[in-house]
All heavy atoms as atom14 arrays in JSON, in Angstrom:
{
  "sequence": "QGTLLTSRILGGITVKAGYDVKLSEVHGMAQRGGSVVTYVRYGEKVAE",
  "atom14_mask": [
    [1, 1, 1, 1, 1, 1, 1, 1, 1, 0, 0, 0, 0, 0],
    [1, 1, 1, 1, 0, 0, 0, 0, 0, 0, 0, 0, 0, 0],
    [1, 1, 1, 1, 1, 1, 1, 0, 0, 0, 0, 0, 0, 0],
    [1, 1, 1, 1, 1, 1, 1, 1, 0, 0, 0, 0, 0, 0],
    [1, 1, 1, 1, 1, 1, 1, 1, 0, 0, 0, 0, 0, 0],
    [1, 1, 1, 1, 1, 1, 1, 0, 0, 0, 0, 0, 0, 0],
    [1, 1, 1, 1, 1, 1, 0, 0, 0, 0, 0, 0, 0, 0],
    [1, 1, 1, 1, 1, 1, 1, 1, 1, 1, 1, 0, 0, 0],
    [1, 1, 1, 1, 1, 1, 1, 1, 0, 0, 0, 0, 0, 0],
    [1, 1, 1, 1, 1, 1, 1, 1, 0, 0, 0, 0, 0, 0],
    [1, 1, 1, 1, 0, 0, 0, 0, 0, 0, 0, 0, 0, 0],
    [1, 1, 1, 1, 0, 0, 0, 0, 0, 0, 0, 0, 0, 0],
    [1, 1, 1, 1, 1, 1, 1, 1, 0, 0, 0, 0, 0, 0],
    [1, 1, 1, 1, 1, 1, 1, 0, 0, 0, 0, 0, 0, 0],
    [1, 1, 1, 1, 1, 1, 1, 0, 0, 0, 0, 0, 0, 0],
    [1, 1, 1, 1, 1, 1, 1, 1, 1, 0, 0, 0, 0, 0],
    [1, 1, 1, 1, 1, 0, 0, 0, 0, 0, 0, 0, 0, 0],
    [1, 1, 1, 1, 0, 0, 0, 0, 0, 0, 0, 0, 0, 0],
    [1, 1, 1, 1, 1, 1, 1, 1, 1, 1, 1, 1, 0, 0],
    [1, 1, 1, 1, 1, 1, 1, 1, 0, 0, 0, 0, 0, 0],
    [1, 1, 1, 1, 1, 1, 1, 0, 0, 0, 0, 0, 0, 0],
    [1, 1, 1, 1, 1, 1, 1, 1, 1, 0, 0, 0, 0, 0],
    [1, 1, 1, 1, 1, 1, 1, 1, 0, 0, 0, 0, 0, 0],
    [1, 1, 1, 1, 1, 1, 0, 0, 0, 0, 0, 0, 0, 0],
    [1, 1, 1, 1, 1, 1, 1, 1, 1, 0, 0, 0, 0, 0],
    [1, 1, 1, 1, 1, 1, 1, 0, 0, 0, 0, 0, 0, 0],
    [1, 1, 1, 1, 1, 1, 1, 1, 1, 1, 0, 0, 0, 0],
    [1, 1, 1, 1, 0, 0, 0, 0, 0, 0, 0, 0, 0, 0],
    [1, 1, 1, 1, 1, 1, 1, 1, 0, 0, 0, 0, 0, 0],
    [1, 1, 1, 1, 1, 0, 0, 0, 0, 0, 0, 0, 0, 0],
    [1, 1, 1, 1, 1, 1, 1, 1, 1, 0, 0, 0, 0, 0],
    [1, 1, 1, 1, 1, 1, 1, 1, 1, 1, 1, 0, 0, 0],
    [1, 1, 1, 1, 0, 0, 0, 0, 0, 0, 0, 0, 0, 0],
    [1, 1, 1, 1, 0, 0, 0, 0, 0, 0, 0, 0, 0, 0],
    [1, 1, 1, 1, 1, 1, 0, 0, 0, 0, 0, 0, 0, 0],
    [1, 1, 1, 1, 1, 1, 1, 0, 0, 0, 0, 0, 0, 0],
    [1, 1, 1, 1, 1, 1, 1, 0, 0, 0, 0, 0, 0, 0],
    [1, 1, 1, 1, 1, 1, 1, 0, 0, 0, 0, 0, 0, 0],
    [1, 1, 1, 1, 1, 1, 1, 1, 1, 1, 1, 1, 0, 0],
    [1, 1, 1, 1, 1, 1, 1, 0, 0, 0, 0, 0, 0, 0],
    [1, 1, 1, 1, 1, 1, 1, 1, 1, 1, 1, 0, 0, 0],
    [1, 1, 1, 1, 1, 1, 1, 1, 1, 1, 1, 1, 0, 0],
    [1, 1, 1, 1, 0, 0, 0, 0, 0, 0, 0, 0, 0, 0],
    [1, 1, 1, 1, 1, 1, 1, 1, 1, 0, 0, 0, 0, 0],
    [1, 1, 1, 1, 1, 1, 1, 1, 1, 0, 0, 0, 0, 0],
    [1, 1, 1, 1, 1, 1, 1, 0, 0, 0, 0, 0, 0, 0],
    [1, 1, 1, 1, 1, 0, 0, 0, 0, 0, 0, 0, 0, 0],
    [1, 1, 1, 1, 1, 1, 1, 1, 1, 0, 0, 0, 0, 0]
  ],
  "atom14_positions": [
    [[0.8, -1.22, -0.01], [0.0, 0.03, 0.0], [0.83, 1.25, 0.02], [0.26, 2.39, 0.09], [-0.96, 0.01, 1.23], [-2.19, -0.8, 1.04], [-3.24, -0.41, 2.07], [-3.01, -0.52, 3.24], [-4.36, 0.1, 1.61], [0.0, 0.0, 0.0], [0.0, 0.0, 0.0], [0.0, 0.0, 0.0], [0.0, 0.0, 0.0], [0.0, 0.0, 0.0]],
    [[2.13, 1.17, -0.01], [2.96, 2.37, -0.12], [3.34, 2.96, 1.22], [3.63, 4.17, 1.31], [0.0, 0.0, 0.0], [0.0, 0.0, 0.0], [0.0, 0.0, 0.0], [0.0, 0.0, 0.0], [0.0, 0.0, 0.0], [0.0, 0.0, 0.0], [0.0, 0.0, 0.0], [0.0, 0.0, 0.0], [0.0, 0.0, 0.0], [0.0, 0.0, 0.0]],
    [[3.33, 2.16, 2.28], [3.75, 2.64, 3.59], [5.25, 3.06, 3.56], [5.63, 4.05, 4.19], [3.58, 1.58, 4.71], [4.11, 0.32, 4.26], [2.16, 1.46, 5.11], [0.0, 0.0, 0.0], [0.0, 0.0, 0.0], [0.0, 0.0, 0.0], [0.0, 0.0, 0.0], [0.0, 0.0, 0.0], [0.0, 0.0, 0.0], [0.0, 0.0, 0.0]],
    [[6.02, 2.36, 2.77], [7.49, 2.64, 2.68], [7.71, 4.03, 2.11], [8.44, 4.84, 2.65], [8.13, 1.59, 1.77], [9.63, 1.46, 1.92], [9.97, 0.78, 3.22], [10.21, 0.63, 0.76], [0.0, 0.0, 0.0], [0.0, 0.0, 0.0], [0.0, 0.0, 0.0], [0.0, 0.0, 0.0], [0.0, 0.0, 0.0], [0.0, 0.0, 0.0]],
    [[7.07, 4.35, 1.0], [7.24, 5.67, 0.36], [6.76, 6.74, 1.3], [7.43, 7.77, 1.49], [6.45, 5.73, -0.95], [6.52, 7.1, -1.66], [7.97, 7.37, -2.15], [5.5, 7.23, -2.81], [0.0, 0.0, 0.0], [0.0, 0.0, 0.0], [0.0, 0.0, 0.0], [0.0, 0.0, 0.0], [0.0, 0.0, 0.0], [0.0, 0.0, 0.0]],
    [[5.63, 6.51, 1.98], [5.12, 7.49, 2.91], [6.08, 7.75, 4.03], [6.32, 8.91, 4.38], [3.73, 6.97, 3.49], [2.92, 6.57, 2.39], [3.05, 8.09, 4.24], [0.0, 0.0, 0.0], [0.0, 0.0, 0.0], [0.0, 0.0, 0.0], [0.0, 0.0, 0.0], [0.0, 0.0, 0.0], [0.0, 0.0, 0.0], [0.0, 0.0, 0.0]],
    [[6.69, 6.69, 4.57], [7.67, 6.89, 5.68], [8.89, 7.6, 5.18], [9.51, 8.4, 5.87], [7.97, 5.63, 6.38], [8.57, 4.69, 5.49], [0.0, 0.0, 0.0], [0.0, 0.0, 0.0], [0.0, 0.0, 0.0], [0.0, 0.0, 0.0], [0.0, 0.0, 0.0], [0.0, 0.0, 0.0], [0.0, 0.0, 0.0], [0.0, 0.0, 0.0]],
    [[9.3, 7.35, 3.89], [10.46, 8.05, 3.36], [10.19, 9.57, 3.23], [11.06, 10.35, 3.52], [10.78, 7.54, 1.96], [11.59, 6.22, 2.0], [12.39, 6.03, 0.73], [12.73, 4.63, 0.64], [12.21, 3.78, -0.31], [11.43, 4.23, -1.22], [12.59, 2.55, -0.3], [0.0, 0.0, 0.0], [0.0, 0.0, 0.0], [0.0, 0.0, 0.0]],
    [[8.99, 9.9, 2.84], [8.63, 11.31, 2.72], [8.66, 11.92, 4.14], [9.21, 13.0, 4.33], [7.26, 11.5, 2.04], [7.34, 11.07, 0.57], [6.78, 12.96, 2.12], [5.95, 10.95, -0.14], [0.0, 0.0, 0.0], [0.0, 0.0, 0.0], [0.0, 0.0, 0.0], [0.0, 0.0, 0.0], [0.0, 0.0, 0.0], [0.0, 0.0, 0.0]],
    [[8.05, 11.25, 5.08], [8.05, 11.78, 6.47], [9.45, 11.93, 7.03], [9.76, 12.9, 7.67], [7.22, 10.83, 7.33], [5.73, 11.18, 7.55], [5.04, 10.04, 8.24], [5.56, 12.48, 8.29], [0.0, 0.0, 0.0], [0.0, 0.0, 0.0], [0.0, 0.0, 0.0], [0.0, 0.0, 0.0], [0.0, 0.0, 0.0], [0.0, 0.0, 0.0]],
    [[10.21, 10.89, 6.77], [11.66, 10.94, 7.22], [12.37, 12.1, 6.63], [13.12, 12.88, 7.27], [0.0, 0.0, 0.0], [0.0, 0.0, 0.0], [0.0, 0.0, 0.0], [0.0, 0.0, 0.0], [0.0, 0.0, 0.0], [0.0, 0.0, 0.0], [0.0, 0.0, 0.0], [0.0, 0.0, 0.0], [0.0, 0.0, 0.0], [0.0, 0.0, 0.0]],
    [[12.12, 12.32, 5.32], [12.77, 13.39, 4.54], [12.42, 14.75, 5.09], [13.27, 15.63, 5.24], [0.0, 0.0, 0.0], [0.0, 0.0, 0.0], [0.0, 0.0, 0.0], [0.0, 0.0, 0.0], [0.0, 0.0, 0.0], [0.0, 0.0, 0.0], [0.0, 0.0, 0.0], [0.0, 0.0, 0.0], [0.0, 0.0, 0.0], [0.0, 0.0, 0.0]],
    [[11.16, 14.95, 5.41], [10.7, 16.25, 5.86], [11.22, 16.62, 7.29], [11.62, 17.69, 7.54], [9.22, 16.5, 5.74], [8.85, 18.0, 5.83], [8.43, 15.72, 6.83], [7.53, 18.39, 5.25], [0.0, 0.0, 0.0], [0.0, 0.0, 0.0], [0.0, 0.0, 0.0], [0.0, 0.0, 0.0], [0.0, 0.0, 0.0], [0.0, 0.0, 0.0]],
    [[11.3, 15.56, 8.12], [11.77, 15.8, 9.49], [13.25, 16.12, 9.48], [13.67, 17.04, 10.23], [11.49, 14.58, 10.4], [11.9, 13.4, 9.75], [10.0, 14.46, 10.71], [0.0, 0.0, 0.0], [0.0, 0.0, 0.0], [0.0, 0.0, 0.0], [0.0, 0.0, 0.0], [0.0, 0.0, 0.0], [0.0, 0.0, 0.0], [0.0, 0.0, 0.0]],
    [[14.0, 15.47, 8.62], [15.42, 15.77, 8.52], [15.66, 17.17, 7.94], [16.44, 17.97, 8.43], [16.17, 14.7, 7.61], [17.55, 15.16, 7.24], [16.2, 13.33, 8.3], [0.0, 0.0, 0.0], [0.0, 0.0, 0.0], [0.0, 0.0, 0.0], [0.0, 0.0, 0.0], [0.0, 0.0, 0.0], [0.0, 0.0, 0.0], [0.0, 0.0, 0.0]],
    [[14.9, 17.53, 6.9], [14.96, 18.85, 6.26], [14.67, 19.93, 7.33], [15.26, 21.02, 7.27], [14.03, 18.9, 5.07], [14.33, 20.1, 4.18], [13.31, 20.14, 3.0], [13.75, 19.45, 1.73], [14.73, 20.22, 0.95], [0.0, 0.0, 0.0], [0.0, 0.0, 0.0], [0.0, 0.0, 0.0], [0.0, 0.0, 0.0], [0.0, 0.0, 0.0]],
    [[13.75, 19.65, 8.21], [13.41, 20.65, 9.24], [14.4, 20.7, 10.39], [14.26, 21.46, 11.31], [11.98, 20.31, 9.76], [0.0, 0.0, 0.0], [0.0, 0.0, 0.0], [0.0, 0.0, 0.0], [0.0, 0.0, 0.0], [0.0, 0.0, 0.0], [0.0, 0.0, 0.0], [0.0, 0.0, 0.0], [0.0, 0.0, 0.0], [0.0, 0.0, 0.0]],
    [[15.42, 19.82, 10.31], [16.49, 19.87, 11.28], [16.3, 19.06, 12.55], [16.97, 19.23, 13.52], [0.0, 0.0, 0.0], [0.0, 0.0, 0.0], [0.0, 0.0, 0.0], [0.0, 0.0, 0.0], [0.0, 0.0, 0.0], [0.0, 0.0, 0.0], [0.0, 0.0, 0.0], [0.0, 0.0, 0.0], [0.0, 0.0, 0.0], [0.0, 0.0, 0.0]],
    [[15.35, 18.1, 12.5], [15.16, 17.26, 13.67], [16.0, 15.99, 13.62], [16.38, 15.57, 12.59], [13.68, 16.86, 13.8], [12.74, 18.04, 14.02], [11.77, 18.35, 13.07], [12.85, 18.76, 15.19], [10.9, 19.39, 13.29], [11.96, 19.83, 15.44], [11.03, 20.17, 14.48], [10.17, 21.2, 14.69], [0.0, 0.0, 0.0], [0.0, 0.0, 0.0]],
    [[16.17, 15.46, 14.78], [16.74, 14.12, 14.91], [15.55, 13.18, 14.61], [14.42, 13.4, 15.17], [17.25, 13.88, 16.35], [17.91, 12.52, 16.48], [18.38, 12.01, 15.46], [17.95, 11.97, 17.65], [0.0, 0.0, 0.0], [0.0, 0.0, 0.0], [0.0, 0.0, 0.0], [0.0, 0.0, 0.0], [0.0, 0.0, 0.0], [0.0, 0.0, 0.0]],
    [[15.74, 12.2, 13.75], [14.59, 11.36, 13.42], [15.01, 9.87, 13.46], [16.14, 9.53, 13.14], [13.99, 11.74, 12.03], [15.04, 11.54, 10.93], [12.78, 10.89, 11.7], [0.0, 0.0, 0.0], [0.0, 0.0, 0.0], [0.0, 0.0, 0.0], [0.0, 0.0, 0.0], [0.0, 0.0, 0.0], [0.0, 0.0, 0.0], [0.0, 0.0, 0.0]],
    [[14.09, 9.06, 13.88], [14.3, 7.59, 13.92], [13.12, 6.94, 13.21], [11.94, 7.22, 13.52], [14.36, 7.03, 15.34], [15.55, 7.51, 16.16], [16.8, 6.76, 15.91], [18.0, 7.13, 16.84], [18.49, 8.47, 16.66], [0.0, 0.0, 0.0], [0.0, 0.0, 0.0], [0.0, 0.0, 0.0], [0.0, 0.0, 0.0], [0.0, 0.0, 0.0]],
    [[13.41, 6.13, 12.21], [12.41, 5.4, 11.45], [12.59, 3.93, 11.81], [13.68, 3.41, 11.9], [12.61, 5.51, 9.97], [12.35, 6.85, 9.28], [12.75, 6.78, 7.83], [10.84, 7.19, 9.38], [0.0, 0.0, 0.0], [0.0, 0.0, 0.0], [0.0, 0.0, 0.0], [0.0, 0.0, 0.0], [0.0, 0.0, 0.0], [0.0, 0.0, 0.0]],
    [[11.46, 3.22, 11.94], [11.56, 1.8, 12.18], [10.38, 1.14, 11.54], [9.24, 1.57, 11.68], [11.59, 1.6, 13.69], [11.04, 0.33, 14.01], [0.0, 0.0, 0.0], [0.0, 0.0, 0.0], [0.0, 0.0, 0.0], [0.0, 0.0, 0.0], [0.0, 0.0, 0.0], [0.0, 0.0, 0.0], [0.0, 0.0, 0.0], [0.0, 0.0, 0.0]],
    [[10.66, 0.07, 10.8], [9.58, -0.66, 10.13], [9.41, -2.05, 10.7], [10.35, -2.75, 10.97], [9.91, -0.82, 8.67], [9.87, 0.49, 8.01], [9.58, 0.33, 6.55], [10.52, -0.17, 5.82], [8.49, 0.63, 6.12], [0.0, 0.0, 0.0], [0.0, 0.0, 0.0], [0.0, 0.0, 0.0], [0.0, 0.0, 0.0], [0.0, 0.0, 0.0]],
    [[8.17, -2.38, 10.93], [7.83, -3.69, 11.48], [6.91, -4.35, 10.48], [5.8, -3.84, 10.22], [7.15, -3.6, 12.83], [6.87, -4.97, 13.43], [7.97, -2.68, 13.81], [0.0, 0.0, 0.0], [0.0, 0.0, 0.0], [0.0, 0.0, 0.0], [0.0, 0.0, 0.0], [0.0, 0.0, 0.0], [0.0, 0.0, 0.0], [0.0, 0.0, 0.0]],
    [[7.31, -5.48, 9.91], [6.51, -6.18, 8.99], [5.87, -7.41, 9.63], [6.55, -8.23, 10.19], [7.35, -6.71, 7.83], [7.84, -5.62, 6.95], [7.12, -5.11, 5.94], [8.96, -4.89, 7.02], [7.82, -4.13, 5.35], [8.94, -3.99, 5.98], [0.0, 0.0, 0.0], [0.0, 0.0, 0.0], [0.0, 0.0, 0.0], [0.0, 0.0, 0.0]],
    [[4.54, -7.49, 9.57], [3.88, -8.7, 10.02], [4.23, -9.76, 8.94], [4.89, -10.76, 9.23], [0.0, 0.0, 0.0], [0.0, 0.0, 0.0], [0.0, 0.0, 0.0], [0.0, 0.0, 0.0], [0.0, 0.0, 0.0], [0.0, 0.0, 0.0], [0.0, 0.0, 0.0], [0.0, 0.0, 0.0], [0.0, 0.0, 0.0], [0.0, 0.0, 0.0]],
    [[3.75, -9.49, 7.78], [4.13, -10.34, 6.6], [4.35, -9.36, 5.49], [3.45, -8.58, 5.16], [2.97, -11.28, 6.29], [2.62, -12.26, 7.32], [1.31, -13.37, 6.76], [-0.06, -12.25, 6.46], [0.0, 0.0, 0.0], [0.0, 0.0, 0.0], [0.0, 0.0, 0.0], [0.0, 0.0, 0.0], [0.0, 0.0, 0.0], [0.0, 0.0, 0.0]],
    [[5.52, -9.44, 4.9], [5.84, -8.45, 3.9], [5.07, -8.63, 2.59], [4.94, -7.73, 1.84], [7.35, -8.48, 3.6], [0.0, 0.0, 0.0], [0.0, 0.0, 0.0], [0.0, 0.0, 0.0], [0.0, 0.0, 0.0], [0.0, 0.0, 0.0], [0.0, 0.0, 0.0], [0.0, 0.0, 0.0], [0.0, 0.0, 0.0], [0.0, 0.0, 0.0]],
    [[4.58, -9.82, 2.38], [3.82, -10.01, 1.14], [2.52, -9.22, 1.19], [2.04, -8.81, 2.24], [3.51, -11.47, 0.81], [2.4, -12.07, 1.63], [2.95, -12.89, 2.79], [3.84, -12.54, 3.43], [2.3, -14.07, 3.02], [0.0, 0.0, 0.0], [0.0, 0.0, 0.0], [0.0, 0.0, 0.0], [0.0, 0.0, 0.0], [0.0, 0.0, 0.0]],
    [[1.92, -8.98, 0.04], [0.72, -8.18, -0.07], [-0.37, -8.83, 0.82], [-0.52, -10.07, 0.86], [0.21, -8.14, -1.51], [1.07, -7.26, -2.32], [0.62, -7.15, -3.71], [1.61, -6.28, -4.42], [1.53, -4.99, -4.49], [0.52, -4.32, -3.95], [2.47, -4.31, -5.18], [0.0, 0.0, 0.0], [0.0, 0.0, 0.0], [0.0, 0.0, 0.0]],
    [[-1.01, -8.04, 1.61], [-2.04, -8.57, 2.49], [-1.62, -8.62, 3.93], [-2.45, -8.71, 4.84], [0.0, 0.0, 0.0], [0.0, 0.0, 0.0], [0.0, 0.0, 0.0], [0.0, 0.0, 0.0], [0.0, 0.0, 0.0], [0.0, 0.0, 0.0], [0.0, 0.0, 0.0], [0.0, 0.0, 0.0], [0.0, 0.0, 0.0], [0.0, 0.0, 0.0]],
    [[-0.31, -8.6, 4.22], [0.2, -8.61, 5.6], [0.24, -7.22, 6.16], [0.42, -6.23, 5.43], [0.0, 0.0, 0.0], [0.0, 0.0, 0.0], [0.0, 0.0, 0.0], [0.0, 0.0, 0.0], [0.0, 0.0, 0.0], [0.0, 0.0, 0.0], [0.0, 0.0, 0.0], [0.0, 0.0, 0.0], [0.0, 0.0, 0.0], [0.0, 0.0, 0.0]],
    [[0.18, -7.13, 7.5], [0.24, -5.9, 8.17], [1.67, -5.27, 8.15], [2.63, -5.97, 8.38], [-0.12, -6.16, 9.63], [-0.62, -5.02, 10.22], [0.0, 0.0, 0.0], [0.0, 0.0, 0.0], [0.0, 0.0, 0.0], [0.0, 0.0, 0.0], [0.0, 0.0, 0.0], [0.0, 0.0, 0.0], [0.0, 0.0, 0.0], [0.0, 0.0, 0.0]],
    [[1.76, -3.97, 7.85], [3.05, -3.29, 7.84], [2.87, -2.06, 8.75], [1.93, -1.3, 8.59], [3.46, -2.84, 6.41], [4.81, -2.13, 6.45], [3.46, -3.97, 5.46], [0.0, 0.0, 0.0], [0.0, 0.0, 0.0], [0.0, 0.0, 0.0], [0.0, 0.0, 0.0], [0.0, 0.0, 0.0], [0.0, 0.0, 0.0], [0.0, 0.0, 0.0]],
    [[3.81, -1.87, 9.63], [3.81, -0.76, 10.6], [5.09, -0.01, 10.48], [6.17, -0.61, 10.53], [3.62, -1.26, 12.05], [3.56, -0.04, 13.01], [2.44, -2.13, 12.22], [0.0, 0.0, 0.0], [0.0, 0.0, 0.0], [0.0, 0.0, 0.0], [0.0, 0.0, 0.0], [0.0, 0.0, 0.0], [0.0, 0.0, 0.0], [0.0, 0.0, 0.0]],
    [[5.01, 1.32, 10.36], [6.21, 2.15, 10.36], [6.1, 3.16, 11.46], [5.02, 3.81, 11.6], [6.41, 2.88, 9.05], [6.44, 1.97, 7.99], [7.72, 3.66, 9.01], [0.0, 0.0, 0.0], [0.0, 0.0, 0.0], [0.0, 0.0, 0.0], [0.0, 0.0, 0.0], [0.0, 0.0, 0.0], [0.0, 0.0, 0.0], [0.0, 0.0, 0.0]],
    [[7.13, 3.28, 12.29], [7.16, 4.3, 13.32], [8.09, 5.43, 12.85], [9.17, 5.11, 12.34], [7.74, 3.78, 14.61], [7.03, 2.56, 15.19], [7.58, 1.28, 15.01], [5.87, 2.68, 15.89], [6.96, 0.19, 15.54], [5.2, 1.6, 16.45], [5.77, 0.34, 16.24], [5.16, -0.75, 16.75], [0.0, 0.0, 0.0], [0.0, 0.0, 0.0]],
    [[7.64, 6.66, 12.97], [8.47, 7.82, 12.67], [8.49, 8.68, 13.92], [7.47, 9.16, 14.35], [7.94, 8.66, 11.47], [8.89, 9.84, 11.18], [7.82, 7.77, 10.22], [0.0, 0.0, 0.0], [0.0, 0.0, 0.0], [0.0, 0.0, 0.0], [0.0, 0.0, 0.0], [0.0, 0.0, 0.0], [0.0, 0.0, 0.0], [0.0, 0.0, 0.0]],
    [[9.7, 8.81, 14.54], [9.78, 9.66, 15.77], [10.75, 10.74, 15.47], [11.85, 10.53, 14.99], [10.26, 8.8, 16.96], [9.33, 7.56, 17.24], [9.74, 6.96, 18.55], [9.36, 7.83, 19.63], [10.05, 7.99, 20.73], [11.15, 7.38, 20.9], [9.61, 8.85, 21.67], [0.0, 0.0, 0.0], [0.0, 0.0, 0.0], [0.0, 0.0, 0.0]],
    [[10.35, 12.0, 15.75], [11.28, 13.09, 15.54], [11.22, 14.11, 16.71], [10.18, 14.27, 17.37], [11.03, 13.77, 14.21], [9.7, 14.46, 14.04], [9.57, 15.83, 14.24], [8.56, 13.72, 13.64], [8.33, 16.45, 14.12], [7.34, 14.37, 13.49], [7.23, 15.7, 13.72], [6.0, 16.31, 13.6], [0.0, 0.0, 0.0], [0.0, 0.0, 0.0]],
    [[12.37, 14.78, 16.93], [12.46, 15.79, 17.98], [13.89, 16.26, 18.03], [14.67, 16.03, 17.1], [0.0, 0.0, 0.0], [0.0, 0.0, 0.0], [0.0, 0.0, 0.0], [0.0, 0.0, 0.0], [0.0, 0.0, 0.0], [0.0, 0.0, 0.0], [0.0, 0.0, 0.0], [0.0, 0.0, 0.0], [0.0, 0.0, 0.0], [0.0, 0.0, 0.0]],
    [[14.24, 16.9, 19.14], [15.63, 17.4, 19.24], [16.62, 16.29, 19.36], [17.68, 16.27, 18.7], [15.74, 18.44, 20.38], [15.28, 19.8, 19.92], [15.06, 20.74, 21.12], [15.73, 20.56, 22.14], [14.21, 21.63, 20.95], [0.0, 0.0, 0.0], [0.0, 0.0, 0.0], [0.0, 0.0, 0.0], [0.0, 0.0, 0.0], [0.0, 0.0, 0.0]],
    [[16.27, 15.3, 20.17], [17.13, 14.12, 20.28], [16.23, 12.92, 20.56], [15.5, 12.87, 21.53], [18.1, 14.3, 21.48], [19.16, 13.21, 21.56], [20.33, 13.53, 20.62], [21.25, 12.32, 20.42], [20.89, 11.43, 19.3], [0.0, 0.0, 0.0], [0.0, 0.0, 0.0], [0.0, 0.0, 0.0], [0.0, 0.0, 0.0], [0.0, 0.0, 0.0]],
    [[16.25, 11.95, 19.6], [15.39, 10.8, 19.7], [16.23, 9.55, 19.97], [17.16, 9.3, 19.22], [14.55, 10.59, 18.41], [13.66, 9.38, 18.55], [13.76, 11.81, 18.06], [0.0, 0.0, 0.0], [0.0, 0.0, 0.0], [0.0, 0.0, 0.0], [0.0, 0.0, 0.0], [0.0, 0.0, 0.0], [0.0, 0.0, 0.0], [0.0, 0.0, 0.0]],
    [[15.94, 8.88, 21.08], [16.75, 7.71, 21.43], [16.18, 6.45, 20.82], [16.92, 5.73, 20.14], [16.73, 7.55, 22.95], [0.0, 0.0, 0.0], [0.0, 0.0, 0.0], [0.0, 0.0, 0.0], [0.0, 0.0, 0.0], [0.0, 0.0, 0.0], [0.0, 0.0, 0.0], [0.0, 0.0, 0.0], [0.0, 0.0, 0.0], [0.0, 0.0, 0.0]],
    [[14.93, 6.2, 20.96], [14.31, 4.95, 20.54], [13.5, 5.09, 19.26], [12.76, 6.08, 19.13], [13.31, 4.56, 21.61], [13.91, 4.01, 22.88], [14.33, 2.57, 22.7], [13.47, 1.75, 22.4], [15.55, 2.34, 22.81], [0.0, 0.0, 0.0], [0.0, 0.0, 0.0], [0.0, 0.0, 0.0], [0.0, 0.0, 0.0], [0.0, 0.0, 0.0]]
  ]
}
């Protein structure tokens, strides 16, 4: 469904805005039909 592209755009904008950003992808099943979760965390300093 394009979660990957969406997270790349989000990651790109947070970096451009000067934030520390952490992206993490969790695949239930990578094939079509499986759940895909992406976390995007941004701020001054992101640990996790």
